[in-house]
Amino acid sequence: MRLTLTPYQLELAHTFSISRESHDFQDSLIVTLSHEGKSGYGEATANGYYQITSASMAKEIGLCKNQIEAHNFKTPELFYELLSSLSLSNFSKCALDLAAWDLFGKINNTPLYKIWNTNLNNLATTNYTIGIDSVEKMVAKMIEKPWPIYKVKLGTSQDIDIVKALRAKTNAVFRIDANCAWEADETISNAQKLKDLGVEFIEQPLAADRWEDMKKVFDTSCLPLIADESCLIPEDVAKCVGHFHGINIKLTKCGGISPALGMIKEAKALGLKVMIGCMTESSVGISAIGQLLPQLDYVDMDGALLLKKDIAKGIVIHEDASLSYPDMGGSGIELLDL
């Protein structure tokens, strides 16, 4: 097997801001695994909150290159056993694991959703994210992109006013993501106001380790609560019971598709709703998420839509929010010749 690493700087269509950071570009690392005349592609993005850079991922993967290329590739599950034995961050594992699943599907000429015995009936619709900005600019971004579901980033001194201004311009469903910026009483108070404004759920209102306060919010909130920063890895899923109504799995944070499959199964068994979110990836990462879509209640896979220019093609998200899946196997990814 041959391993290739390619860093990209993805330019965003608009400055993207959440409660703790703002940026115009997204650094990303694309991993290519080639075997038996096929190439599989995976992606992981840099993330300052978790102190991950494209360079740090490339360095740690590079140190393991000999073991990776010497692996006798048969299945992604066996390949992930190798990854778990190496000194790699979950972000690096994700890029490699996504590439392995894409490669496996291409070798077997079968899309991943079929390998997992799922179908494309009744798929959840992805939301489109409106990052924090002035009220006027947030309204303008929403009007520029008509969509049935918006995720609205909050964590400002005028959060309710923002949602009121957006609601005045659309009947779309709203989802709120506070990215750990609120307090417990603030969340409980905001929930009732947001419910009246047509909000579907609130994602990660409190800091990730505020479990006792989160229990208070869970027992009182009139809106469903979805864990993000509080649910990073498989070991976190069970802890969310009684604190959240569902979990938002990020492939980069948990380590890829392989652990995500187990997290989905466990969450459903525990009665939790399941969402997968993105990290402003290109169509490489987004197409991997799309293969898991038949197993999800909610999805946030708008990353490539937020880019000024994509670097790959795979699953296509159309202007009416419908999806087209590629015919090829795996995640159906092809890198563009930029």
C-alpha atoms as a PDB file:
ATOM      1  CA  MET A   1       0.000   0.000   0.000  1.00  0.00           C
ATOM      2  CA  ARG A   2       1.210   3.529  -0.805  1.00  0.00           C
ATOM      3  CA  LEU A   3       0.550   6.535   1.422  1.00  0.00           C
ATOM      4  CA  THR A   4       0.449  10.136   0.163  1.00  0.00           C
ATOM      5  CA  LEU A   5      -0.168  13.267   2.257  1.00  0.00           C
ATOM      6  CA  THR A   6      -1.340  16.532   0.680  1.00  0.00           C
ATOM      7  CA  PRO A   7      -2.016  19.700   2.716  1.00  0.00           C
ATOM      8  CA  TYR A   8      -4.575  22.201   1.438  1.00  0.00           C
ATOM      9  CA  GLN A   9      -5.625  25.662   2.538  1.00  0.00           C
ATOM     10  CA  LEU A  10      -9.356  25.867   1.892  1.00  0.00           C
ATOM     11  CA  GLU A  11     -10.656  29.406   1.355  1.00  0.00           C
ATOM     12  CA  LEU A  12     -14.086  30.069   2.834  1.00  0.00           C
ATOM     13  CA  ALA A  13     -16.820  31.909   0.971  1.00  0.00           C
ATOM     14  CA  HIS A  14     -17.383  34.098   4.060  1.00  0.00           C
ATOM     15  CA  THR A  15     -15.519  34.722   7.304  1.00  0.00           C
ATOM     16  CA  PHE A  16     -16.723  31.990   9.656  1.00  0.00           C
ATOM     17  CA  SER A  17     -17.086  32.791  13.349  1.00  0.00           C
ATOM     18  CA  ILE A  18     -18.269  30.857  16.389  1.00  0.00           C
ATOM     19  CA  SER A  19     -18.245  31.872  20.049  1.00  0.00           C
ATOM     20  CA  ARG A  20     -14.509  31.210  20.473  1.00  0.00           C
ATOM     21  CA  GLU A  21     -12.815  31.816  17.103  1.00  0.00           C
ATOM     22  CA  SER A  22     -13.028  33.306  13.610  1.00  0.00           C
ATOM     23  CA  HIS A  23     -11.279  32.459  10.337  1.00  0.00           C
ATOM     24  CA  ASP A  24     -11.262  32.962   6.550  1.00  0.00           C
ATOM     25  CA  PHE A  25      -9.304  29.840   5.648  1.00  0.00           C
ATOM     26  CA  GLN A  26      -9.413  26.230   6.802  1.00  0.00           C
ATOM     27  CA  ASP A  27      -6.230  24.150   6.721  1.00  0.00           C
ATOM     28  CA  SER A  28      -6.868  20.545   5.783  1.00  0.00           C
ATOM     29  CA  LEU A  29      -4.815  17.393   5.259  1.00  0.00           C
ATOM     30  CA  ILE A  30      -5.818  14.909   2.549  1.00  0.00           C
ATOM     31  CA  VAL A  31      -4.592  11.335   2.938  1.00  0.00           C
ATOM     32  CA  THR A  32      -4.420   9.055  -0.104  1.00  0.00           C
ATOM     33  CA  LEU A  33      -4.075   5.285   0.293  1.00  0.00           C
ATOM     34  CA  SER A  34      -3.367   3.431  -2.959  1.00  0.00           C
ATOM     35  CA  HIS A  35      -3.638  -0.347  -3.307  1.00  0.00           C
ATOM     36  CA  GLU A  36      -4.560  -2.803  -6.059  1.00  0.00           C
ATOM     37  CA  GLY A  37      -4.842   0.009  -8.619  1.00  0.00           C
ATOM     38  CA  LYS A  38      -7.377   1.972  -6.530  1.00  0.00           C
ATOM     39  CA  SER A  39      -7.004   5.104  -4.416  1.00  0.00           C
ATOM     40  CA  GLY A  40      -8.979   5.952  -1.297  1.00  0.00           C
ATOM     41  CA  TYR A  41      -9.144   9.479   0.111  1.00  0.00           C
ATOM     42  CA  GLY A  42      -9.549  10.749   3.649  1.00  0.00           C
ATOM     43  CA  GLU A  43      -9.482  14.162   5.276  1.00  0.00           C
ATOM     44  CA  ALA A  44      -8.962  15.849   8.615  1.00  0.00           C
ATOM     45  CA  THR A  45      -8.987  19.583   9.226  1.00  0.00           C
ATOM     46  CA  ALA A  46      -6.755  21.608  11.522  1.00  0.00           C
ATOM     47  CA  ASN A  47      -8.393  22.732  14.757  1.00  0.00           C
ATOM     48  CA  GLY A  48      -6.948  25.323  17.127  1.00  0.00           C
ATOM     49  CA  TYR A  49      -9.285  24.352  19.989  1.00  0.00           C
ATOM     50  CA  TYR A  50      -7.740  20.866  20.024  1.00  0.00           C
ATOM     51  CA  GLN A  51      -4.242  22.123  19.064  1.00  0.00           C
ATOM     52  CA  ILE A  52      -4.221  20.206  15.794  1.00  0.00           C
ATOM     53  CA  THR A  53      -2.501  21.575  12.674  1.00  0.00           C
ATOM     54  CA  SER A  54      -1.986  20.147   9.215  1.00  0.00           C
ATOM     55  CA  ALA A  55       1.731  20.060   9.950  1.00  0.00           C
ATOM     56  CA  SER A  56       1.294  18.190  13.235  1.00  0.00           C
ATOM     57  CA  MET A  57      -0.876  15.570  11.525  1.00  0.00           C
ATOM     58  CA  ALA A  58       1.535  15.195   8.613  1.00  0.00           C
ATOM     59  CA  LYS A  59       4.450  14.798  11.026  1.00  0.00           C
ATOM     60  CA  GLU A  60       2.871  12.078  13.159  1.00  0.00           C
ATOM     61  CA  ILE A  61       1.511  10.182  10.152  1.00  0.00           C
ATOM     62  CA  GLY A  62       4.895  10.492   8.447  1.00  0.00           C
ATOM     63  CA  LEU A  63       6.594   8.872  11.433  1.00  0.00           C
ATOM     64  CA  CYS A  64       4.287   5.865  10.971  1.00  0.00           C
ATOM     65  CA  LYS A  65       4.560   5.688   7.183  1.00  0.00           C
ATOM     66  CA  ASN A  66       6.619   2.500   7.088  1.00  0.00           C
ATOM     67  CA  GLN A  67       4.160   0.568   9.274  1.00  0.00           C
ATOM     68  CA  ILE A  68       1.195   1.859   7.289  1.00  0.00           C
ATOM     69  CA  GLU A  69       2.653   1.024   3.884  1.00  0.00           C
ATOM     70  CA  ALA A  70       3.765  -2.416   5.093  1.00  0.00           C
ATOM     71  CA  HIS A  71       0.228  -3.281   6.214  1.00  0.00           C
ATOM     72  CA  ASN A  72      -1.414  -6.107   4.260  1.00  0.00           C
ATOM     73  CA  PHE A  73      -4.691  -4.288   3.620  1.00  0.00           C
ATOM     74  CA  LYS A  74      -7.766  -6.496   3.775  1.00  0.00           C
ATOM     75  CA  THR A  75     -10.480  -4.596   5.652  1.00  0.00           C
ATOM     76  CA  PRO A  76     -10.821  -1.164   7.280  1.00  0.00           C
ATOM     77  CA  GLU A  77     -11.453  -2.848  10.634  1.00  0.00           C
ATOM     78  CA  LEU A  78      -8.089  -4.626  10.550  1.00  0.00           C
ATOM     79  CA  PHE A  79      -6.412  -1.449   9.330  1.00  0.00           C
ATOM     80  CA  TYR A  80      -7.928   0.456  12.273  1.00  0.00           C
ATOM     81  CA  GLU A  81      -6.387  -2.063  14.658  1.00  0.00           C
ATOM     82  CA  LEU A  82      -3.022  -1.013  13.235  1.00  0.00           C
ATOM     83  CA  LEU A  83      -3.888   2.686  13.606  1.00  0.00           C
ATOM     84  CA  SER A  84      -4.885   2.126  17.228  1.00  0.00           C
ATOM     85  CA  SER A  85      -1.445   0.673  17.949  1.00  0.00           C
ATOM     86  CA  LEU A  86       0.352   3.756  16.584  1.00  0.00           C
ATOM     87  CA  SER A  87       1.045   7.136  18.206  1.00  0.00           C
ATOM     88  CA  LEU A  88      -1.577   9.129  16.319  1.00  0.00           C
ATOM     89  CA  SER A  89      -4.123  11.787  17.276  1.00  0.00           C
ATOM     90  CA  ASN A  90      -7.760  11.039  16.536  1.00  0.00           C
ATOM     91  CA  PHE A  91      -7.646  13.648  13.760  1.00  0.00           C
ATOM     92  CA  SER A  92      -4.858  11.751  11.992  1.00  0.00           C
ATOM     93  CA  LYS A  93      -6.615   8.433  12.585  1.00  0.00           C
ATOM     94  CA  CYS A  94      -9.727   9.931  11.013  1.00  0.00           C
ATOM     95  CA  ALA A  95      -7.987  10.933   7.780  1.00  0.00           C
ATOM     96  CA  LEU A  96      -6.396   7.494   7.468  1.00  0.00           C
ATOM     97  CA  ASP A  97      -9.572   5.620   8.403  1.00  0.00           C
ATOM     98  CA  LEU A  98     -11.716   7.559   5.911  1.00  0.00           C
ATOM     99  CA  ALA A  99      -9.177   6.782   3.204  1.00  0.00           C
ATOM    100  CA  ALA A 100      -9.216   3.094   4.152  1.00  0.00           C
ATOM    101  CA  TRP A 101     -13.014   2.858   3.940  1.00  0.00           C
ATOM    102  CA  ASP A 102     -13.072   4.709   0.597  1.00  0.00           C
ATOM    103  CA  LEU A 103     -10.353   2.378  -0.694  1.00  0.00           C
ATOM    104  CA  PHE A 104     -12.158  -0.731   0.555  1.00  0.00           C
ATOM    105  CA  GLY A 105     -15.391   0.255  -1.145  1.00  0.00           C
ATOM    106  CA  LYS A 106     -13.627   1.080  -4.388  1.00  0.00           C
ATOM    107  CA  ILE A 107     -11.758  -2.237  -4.420  1.00  0.00           C
ATOM    108  CA  ASN A 108     -15.114  -3.997  -3.936  1.00  0.00           C
ATOM    109  CA  ASN A 109     -16.920  -1.605  -6.311  1.00  0.00           C
ATOM    110  CA  THR A 110     -19.613  -0.965  -3.689  1.00  0.00           C
ATOM    111  CA  PRO A 111     -20.673   2.252  -1.950  1.00  0.00           C
ATOM    112  CA  LEU A 112     -20.198   2.139   1.798  1.00  0.00           C
ATOM    113  CA  TYR A 113     -23.873   2.588   2.594  1.00  0.00           C
ATOM    114  CA  LYS A 114     -24.529  -0.681   0.725  1.00  0.00           C
ATOM    115  CA  ILE A 115     -21.650  -2.433   2.487  1.00  0.00           C
ATOM    116  CA  TRP A 116     -23.381  -1.481   5.755  1.00  0.00           C
ATOM    117  CA  ASN A 117     -26.730  -2.823   4.449  1.00  0.00           C
ATOM    118  CA  THR A 118     -28.457   0.574   4.515  1.00  0.00           C
ATOM    119  CA  ASN A 119     -30.386   2.395   1.804  1.00  0.00           C
ATOM    120  CA  LEU A 120     -30.994   5.956   0.651  1.00  0.00           C
ATOM    121  CA  ASN A 121     -34.656   6.166   1.635  1.00  0.00           C
ATOM    122  CA  ASN A 122     -35.870   8.930   3.980  1.00  0.00           C
ATOM    123  CA  LEU A 123     -32.513  10.628   4.458  1.00  0.00           C
ATOM    124  CA  ALA A 124     -32.131  13.473   6.955  1.00  0.00           C
ATOM    125  CA  THR A 125     -31.623  16.900   5.375  1.00  0.00           C
ATOM    126  CA  THR A 126     -28.400  18.722   6.147  1.00  0.00           C
ATOM    127  CA  ASN A 127     -28.588  22.095   7.823  1.00  0.00           C
ATOM    128  CA  TYR A 128     -26.699  25.125   6.495  1.00  0.00           C
ATOM    129  CA  THR A 129     -24.633  26.997   9.077  1.00  0.00           C
ATOM    130  CA  ILE A 130     -24.829  30.730   9.746  1.00  0.00           C
ATOM    131  CA  GLY A 131     -21.703  31.782  11.653  1.00  0.00           C
ATOM    132  CA  ILE A 132     -21.630  34.603  14.189  1.00  0.00           C
ATOM    133  CA  ASP A 133     -21.478  38.084  12.673  1.00  0.00           C
ATOM    134  CA  SER A 134     -23.381  41.331  12.911  1.00  0.00           C
ATOM    135  CA  VAL A 135     -27.138  40.776  12.853  1.00  0.00           C
ATOM    136  CA  GLU A 136     -27.310  42.397   9.431  1.00  0.00           C
ATOM    137  CA  LYS A 137     -24.610  40.154   7.975  1.00  0.00           C
ATOM    138  CA  MET A 138     -26.119  37.003   9.472  1.00  0.00           C
ATOM    139  CA  VAL A 139     -29.472  37.870   7.915  1.00  0.00           C
ATOM    140  CA  ALA A 140     -27.744  38.590   4.579  1.00  0.00           C
ATOM    141  CA  LYS A 141     -25.923  35.235   4.639  1.00  0.00           C
ATOM    142  CA  MET A 142     -29.197  33.432   5.255  1.00  0.00           C
ATOM    143  CA  ILE A 143     -31.020  35.266   2.476  1.00  0.00           C
ATOM    144  CA  GLU A 144     -28.099  34.533   0.118  1.00  0.00           C
ATOM    145  CA  LYS A 145     -28.546  30.785   0.755  1.00  0.00           C
ATOM    146  CA  PRO A 146     -32.235  29.788   0.934  1.00  0.00           C
ATOM    147  CA  TRP A 147     -32.352  26.507   2.874  1.00  0.00           C
ATOM    148  CA  PRO A 148     -34.921  24.393   4.751  1.00  0.00           C
ATOM    149  CA  ILE A 149     -32.816  24.067   7.937  1.00  0.00           C
ATOM    150  CA  TYR A 150     -30.267  26.483   9.383  1.00  0.00           C
ATOM    151  CA  LYS A 151     -27.785  25.915  12.184  1.00  0.00           C
ATOM    152  CA  VAL A 152     -27.284  29.291  13.847  1.00  0.00           C
ATOM    153  CA  LYS A 153     -24.091  29.855  15.809  1.00  0.00           C
ATOM    154  CA  LEU A 154     -24.663  31.842  18.999  1.00  0.00           C
ATOM    155  CA  GLY A 155     -22.714  32.948  22.059  1.00  0.00           C
ATOM    156  CA  THR A 156     -23.085  36.726  21.962  1.00  0.00           C
ATOM    157  CA  SER A 157     -24.757  39.408  24.073  1.00  0.00           C
ATOM    158  CA  GLN A 158     -27.659  39.578  21.607  1.00  0.00           C
ATOM    159  CA  ASP A 159     -28.446  35.935  20.882  1.00  0.00           C
ATOM    160  CA  ILE A 160     -32.233  36.139  21.088  1.00  0.00           C
ATOM    161  CA  ASP A 161     -32.295  39.313  18.980  1.00  0.00           C
ATOM    162  CA  ILE A 162     -30.262  37.494  16.306  1.00  0.00           C
ATOM    163  CA  VAL A 163     -32.748  34.629  16.124  1.00  0.00           C
ATOM    164  CA  LYS A 164     -35.684  37.053  16.041  1.00  0.00           C
ATOM    165  CA  ALA A 165     -34.098  38.923  13.125  1.00  0.00           C
ATOM    166  CA  LEU A 166     -33.470  35.692  11.226  1.00  0.00           C
ATOM    167  CA  ARG A 167     -36.955  34.382  11.941  1.00  0.00           C
ATOM    168  CA  ALA A 168     -38.464  37.546  10.464  1.00  0.00           C
ATOM    169  CA  LYS A 169     -36.985  36.556   7.070  1.00  0.00           C
ATOM    170  CA  THR A 170     -37.681  32.791   6.867  1.00  0.00           C
ATOM    171  CA  ASN A 171     -39.944  29.959   7.963  1.00  0.00           C
ATOM    172  CA  ALA A 172     -37.044  27.478   7.906  1.00  0.00           C
ATOM    173  CA  VAL A 173     -36.246  25.201  10.844  1.00  0.00           C
ATOM    174  CA  PHE A 174     -33.556  26.612  13.161  1.00  0.00           C
ATOM    175  CA  ARG A 175     -30.996  24.669  15.159  1.00  0.00           C
ATOM    176  CA  ILE A 176     -28.900  26.561  17.713  1.00  0.00           C
ATOM    177  CA  ASP A 177     -25.244  25.863  18.516  1.00  0.00           C
ATOM    178  CA  ALA A 178     -23.837  27.873  21.422  1.00  0.00           C
ATOM    179  CA  ASN A 179     -20.427  26.138  21.347  1.00  0.00           C
ATOM    180  CA  CYS A 180     -20.116  26.031  25.158  1.00  0.00           C
ATOM    181  CA  ALA A 181     -20.783  29.772  25.545  1.00  0.00           C
ATOM    182  CA  TRP A 182     -23.838  29.767  27.863  1.00  0.00           C
ATOM    183  CA  GLU A 183     -24.497  29.198  31.547  1.00  0.00           C
ATOM    184  CA  ALA A 184     -27.145  26.806  32.898  1.00  0.00           C
ATOM    185  CA  ASP A 185     -29.790  29.360  33.903  1.00  0.00           C
ATOM    186  CA  GLU A 186     -29.181  31.269  30.681  1.00  0.00           C
ATOM    187  CA  THR A 187     -29.797  28.102  28.666  1.00  0.00           C
ATOM    188  CA  ILE A 188     -33.035  27.313  30.492  1.00  0.00           C
ATOM    189  CA  SER A 189     -34.275  30.868  29.946  1.00  0.00           C
ATOM    190  CA  ASN A 190     -33.180  30.969  26.307  1.00  0.00           C
ATOM    191  CA  ALA A 191     -34.761  27.610  25.541  1.00  0.00           C
ATOM    192  CA  GLN A 192     -38.330  28.829  26.019  1.00  0.00           C
ATOM    193  CA  LYS A 193     -37.727  31.937  23.918  1.00  0.00           C
ATOM    194  CA  LEU A 194     -36.051  29.878  21.211  1.00  0.00           C
ATOM    195  CA  LYS A 195     -38.820  27.294  21.175  1.00  0.00           C
ATOM    196  CA  ASP A 196     -41.298  30.086  20.495  1.00  0.00           C
ATOM    197  CA  LEU A 197     -39.057  31.153  17.591  1.00  0.00           C
ATOM    198  CA  GLY A 198     -39.207  27.753  15.898  1.00  0.00           C
ATOM    199  CA  VAL A 199     -35.930  26.262  17.118  1.00  0.00           C
ATOM    200  CA  GLU A 200     -35.661  22.459  16.873  1.00  0.00           C
ATOM    201  CA  PHE A 201     -32.855  21.828  19.388  1.00  0.00           C
ATOM    202  CA  ILE A 202     -29.886  23.381  21.190  1.00  0.00           C
ATOM    203  CA  GLU A 203     -26.403  21.998  20.663  1.00  0.00           C
ATOM    204  CA  GLN A 204     -23.742  22.096  23.413  1.00  0.00           C
ATOM    205  CA  PRO A 205     -24.876  25.122  25.425  1.00  0.00           C
ATOM    206  CA  LEU A 206     -22.452  24.610  28.348  1.00  0.00           C
ATOM    207  CA  ALA A 207     -18.733  23.917  28.609  1.00  0.00           C
ATOM    208  CA  ALA A 208     -17.922  20.261  27.951  1.00  0.00           C
ATOM    209  CA  ASP A 209     -17.125  19.295  31.557  1.00  0.00           C
ATOM    210  CA  ARG A 210     -20.183  20.917  33.189  1.00  0.00           C
ATOM    211  CA  TRP A 211     -22.019  17.632  33.714  1.00  0.00           C
ATOM    212  CA  GLU A 212     -23.841  18.599  36.930  1.00  0.00           C
ATOM    213  CA  ASP A 213     -25.116  21.839  35.411  1.00  0.00           C
ATOM    214  CA  MET A 214     -26.025  19.994  32.231  1.00  0.00           C
ATOM    215  CA  LYS A 215     -28.193  17.604  34.266  1.00  0.00           C
ATOM    216  CA  LYS A 216     -30.040  20.635  35.650  1.00  0.00           C
ATOM    217  CA  VAL A 217     -30.606  21.973  32.157  1.00  0.00           C
ATOM    218  CA  PHE A 218     -31.689  18.540  30.889  1.00  0.00           C
ATOM    219  CA  ASP A 219     -34.293  18.219  33.645  1.00  0.00           C
ATOM    220  CA  THR A 220     -35.689  21.686  32.933  1.00  0.00           C
ATOM    221  CA  SER A 221     -35.175  22.571  29.266  1.00  0.00           C
ATOM    222  CA  CYS A 222     -38.198  22.656  26.974  1.00  0.00           C
ATOM    223  CA  LEU A 223     -35.985  21.952  23.938  1.00  0.00           C
ATOM    224  CA  PRO A 224     -33.919  18.849  23.118  1.00  0.00           C
ATOM    225  CA  LEU A 225     -30.197  19.120  23.882  1.00  0.00           C
ATOM    226  CA  ILE A 226     -27.464  17.671  21.669  1.00  0.00           C
ATOM    227  CA  ALA A 227     -23.919  16.980  22.916  1.00  0.00           C
ATOM    228  CA  ASP A 228     -20.924  17.979  20.821  1.00  0.00           C
ATOM    229  CA  GLU A 229     -17.828  18.918  22.817  1.00  0.00           C
ATOM    230  CA  SER A 230     -19.113  16.661  25.627  1.00  0.00           C
ATOM    231  CA  CYS A 231     -19.142  13.613  23.342  1.00  0.00           C
ATOM    232  CA  LEU A 232     -15.844  13.208  21.511  1.00  0.00           C
ATOM    233  CA  ILE A 233     -15.013   9.503  21.709  1.00  0.00           C
ATOM    234  CA  PRO A 234     -16.882   6.203  22.193  1.00  0.00           C
ATOM    235  CA  GLU A 235     -16.350   6.304  25.967  1.00  0.00           C
ATOM    236  CA  ASP A 236     -18.371   9.547  26.164  1.00  0.00           C
ATOM    237  CA  VAL A 237     -21.621   8.190  24.706  1.00  0.00           C
ATOM    238  CA  ALA A 238     -23.022   6.551  27.845  1.00  0.00           C
ATOM    239  CA  LYS A 239     -22.178   9.628  29.943  1.00  0.00           C
ATOM    240  CA  CYS A 240     -24.586  11.686  27.834  1.00  0.00           C
ATOM    241  CA  VAL A 241     -27.646   9.740  29.003  1.00  0.00           C
ATOM    242  CA  GLY A 242     -29.639  11.935  31.396  1.00  0.00           C
ATOM    243  CA  HIS A 243     -27.662  15.002  30.341  1.00  0.00           C
ATOM    244  CA  PHE A 244     -28.474  15.256  26.628  1.00  0.00           C
ATOM    245  CA  HIS A 245     -31.182  13.958  24.329  1.00  0.00           C
ATOM    246  CA  GLY A 246     -28.724  13.151  21.546  1.00  0.00           C
ATOM    247  CA  ILE A 247     -25.111  13.319  20.399  1.00  0.00           C
ATOM    248  CA  ASN A 248     -23.332  15.024  17.527  1.00  0.00           C
ATOM    249  CA  ILE A 249     -20.482  12.787  16.370  1.00  0.00           C
ATOM    250  CA  LYS A 250     -17.546  14.451  14.621  1.00  0.00           C
ATOM    251  CA  LEU A 251     -15.451  11.972  12.638  1.00  0.00           C
ATOM    252  CA  THR A 252     -12.292  14.010  13.198  1.00  0.00           C
ATOM    253  CA  LYS A 253     -12.772  14.056  16.956  1.00  0.00           C
ATOM    254  CA  CYS A 254     -13.661  10.394  17.471  1.00  0.00           C
ATOM    255  CA  GLY A 255     -11.069   9.027  15.043  1.00  0.00           C
ATOM    256  CA  GLY A 256     -13.011   8.252  11.877  1.00  0.00           C
ATOM    257  CA  ILE A 257     -15.786   6.073  10.514  1.00  0.00           C
ATOM    258  CA  SER A 258     -14.718   2.931  12.398  1.00  0.00           C
ATOM    259  CA  PRO A 259     -15.345   4.297  15.910  1.00  0.00           C
ATOM    260  CA  ALA A 260     -18.332   6.345  14.684  1.00  0.00           C
ATOM    261  CA  LEU A 261     -20.144   3.165  13.634  1.00  0.00           C
ATOM    262  CA  GLY A 262     -19.889   1.862  17.182  1.00  0.00           C
ATOM    263  CA  MET A 263     -20.965   5.194  18.663  1.00  0.00           C
ATOM    264  CA  ILE A 264     -24.065   5.259  16.442  1.00  0.00           C
ATOM    265  CA  LYS A 265     -25.045   1.748  17.501  1.00  0.00           C
ATOM    266  CA  GLU A 266     -24.508   2.442  21.216  1.00  0.00           C
ATOM    267  CA  ALA A 267     -26.335   5.781  21.147  1.00  0.00           C
ATOM    268  CA  LYS A 268     -29.390   4.225  19.515  1.00  0.00           C
ATOM    269  CA  ALA A 269     -29.394   1.389  22.047  1.00  0.00           C
ATOM    270  CA  LEU A 270     -29.362   3.992  24.841  1.00  0.00           C
ATOM    271  CA  GLY A 271     -32.256   5.947  23.339  1.00  0.00           C
ATOM    272  CA  LEU A 272     -30.171   8.912  22.192  1.00  0.00           C
ATOM    273  CA  LYS A 273     -30.736  10.724  18.896  1.00  0.00           C
ATOM    274  CA  VAL A 274     -27.752  10.601  16.543  1.00  0.00           C
ATOM    275  CA  MET A 275     -26.276  13.407  14.479  1.00  0.00           C
ATOM    276  CA  ILE A 276     -23.004  13.656  12.599  1.00  0.00           C
ATOM    277  CA  GLY A 277     -21.457  17.073  12.134  1.00  0.00           C
ATOM    278  CA  CYS A 278     -18.671  18.403   9.977  1.00  0.00           C
ATOM    279  CA  MET A 279     -15.632  20.626  10.466  1.00  0.00           C
ATOM    280  CA  THR A 280     -15.679  22.713   7.248  1.00  0.00           C
ATOM    281  CA  GLU A 281     -14.171  19.840   5.305  1.00  0.00           C
ATOM    282  CA  SER A 282     -14.041  19.615   1.540  1.00  0.00           C
ATOM    283  CA  SER A 283     -16.141  17.041  -0.313  1.00  0.00           C
ATOM    284  CA  VAL A 284     -13.615  14.399   0.796  1.00  0.00           C
ATOM    285  CA  GLY A 285     -14.797  14.504   4.404  1.00  0.00           C
ATOM    286  CA  ILE A 286     -18.379  15.422   3.539  1.00  0.00           C
ATOM    287  CA  SER A 287     -18.808  12.439   1.199  1.00  0.00           C
ATOM    288  CA  ALA A 288     -17.669  10.108   3.977  1.00  0.00           C
ATOM    289  CA  ILE A 289     -20.325  11.585   6.277  1.00  0.00           C
ATOM    290  CA  GLY A 290     -22.895  11.141   3.519  1.00  0.00           C
ATOM    291  CA  GLN A 291     -22.327   7.391   3.429  1.00  0.00           C
ATOM    292  CA  LEU A 292     -23.379   7.245   7.098  1.00  0.00           C
ATOM    293  CA  LEU A 293     -26.472   9.379   6.501  1.00  0.00           C
ATOM    294  CA  PRO A 294     -28.994   6.480   6.367  1.00  0.00           C
ATOM    295  CA  GLN A 295     -28.117   5.707  10.001  1.00  0.00           C
ATOM    296  CA  LEU A 296     -28.679   9.254  11.323  1.00  0.00           C
ATOM    297  CA  ASP A 297     -31.512  11.323  12.779  1.00  0.00           C
ATOM    298  CA  TYR A 298     -29.833  14.654  11.978  1.00  0.00           C
ATOM    299  CA  VAL A 299     -26.849  15.729   9.923  1.00  0.00           C
ATOM    300  CA  ASP A 300     -24.628  18.764   9.512  1.00  0.00           C
ATOM    301  CA  MET A 301     -22.663  18.155   6.305  1.00  0.00           C
ATOM    302  CA  ASP A 302     -22.512  21.637   4.807  1.00  0.00           C
ATOM    303  CA  GLY A 303     -18.727  22.055   5.052  1.00  0.00           C
ATOM    304  CA  ALA A 304     -18.041  22.033   1.323  1.00  0.00           C
ATOM    305  CA  LEU A 305     -20.928  24.469   0.754  1.00  0.00           C
ATOM    306  CA  LEU A 306     -19.082  26.995   2.923  1.00  0.00           C
ATOM    307  CA  LEU A 307     -15.968  26.911   0.713  1.00  0.00           C
ATOM    308  CA  LYS A 308     -15.164  29.346  -2.047  1.00  0.00           C
ATOM    309  CA  LYS A 309     -13.709  26.449  -4.074  1.00  0.00           C
ATOM    310  CA  ASP A 310     -13.905  22.702  -3.446  1.00  0.00           C
ATOM    311  CA  ILE A 311     -10.927  20.386  -4.014  1.00  0.00           C
ATOM    312  CA  ALA A 312     -12.851  17.183  -4.703  1.00  0.00           C
ATOM    313  CA  LYS A 313     -16.092  15.746  -5.966  1.00  0.00           C
ATOM    314  CA  GLY A 314     -18.240  13.053  -4.455  1.00  0.00           C
ATOM    315  CA  ILE A 315     -21.701  13.436  -2.963  1.00  0.00           C
ATOM    316  CA  VAL A 316     -23.412  16.513  -4.428  1.00  0.00           C
ATOM    317  CA  ILE A 317     -25.654  18.722  -2.294  1.00  0.00           C
ATOM    318  CA  HIS A 318     -28.033  20.573  -4.597  1.00  0.00           C
ATOM    319  CA  GLU A 319     -29.546  24.021  -4.174  1.00  0.00           C
ATOM    320  CA  ASP A 320     -32.820  22.476  -2.937  1.00  0.00           C
ATOM    321  CA  ALA A 321     -30.847  20.528  -0.262  1.00  0.00           C
ATOM    322  CA  SER A 322     -31.367  17.189  -2.052  1.00  0.00           C
ATOM    323  CA  LEU A 323     -28.416  14.837  -2.566  1.00  0.00           C
ATOM    324  CA  SER A 324     -26.891  12.937  -5.479  1.00  0.00           C
ATOM    325  CA  TYR A 325     -24.664   9.977  -4.686  1.00  0.00           C
ATOM    326  CA  PRO A 326     -21.814   8.950  -7.023  1.00  0.00           C
ATOM    327  CA  ASP A 327     -21.949   5.557  -8.715  1.00  0.00           C
ATOM    328  CA  MET A 328     -18.442   4.495  -7.734  1.00  0.00           C
ATOM    329  CA  GLY A 329     -17.586   2.464  -4.653  1.00  0.00           C
ATOM    330  CA  GLY A 330     -16.474   3.604  -1.234  1.00  0.00           C
ATOM    331  CA  SER A 331     -17.326   7.203  -0.429  1.00  0.00           C
ATOM    332  CA  GLY A 332     -17.177   7.934  -4.153  1.00  0.00           C
ATOM    333  CA  ILE A 333     -14.445  10.551  -3.896  1.00  0.00           C
ATOM    334  CA  GLU A 334     -12.310  11.956  -6.697  1.00  0.00           C
ATOM    335  CA  LEU A 335      -9.746  14.714  -6.146  1.00  0.00           C
ATOM    336  CA  LEU A 336      -9.999  17.605  -8.608  1.00  0.00           C
ATOM    337  CA  ASP A 337      -7.010  18.626 -10.700  1.00  0.00           C
ATOM    338  CA  LEU A 338      -6.668  22.183  -9.394  1.00  0.00           C
END
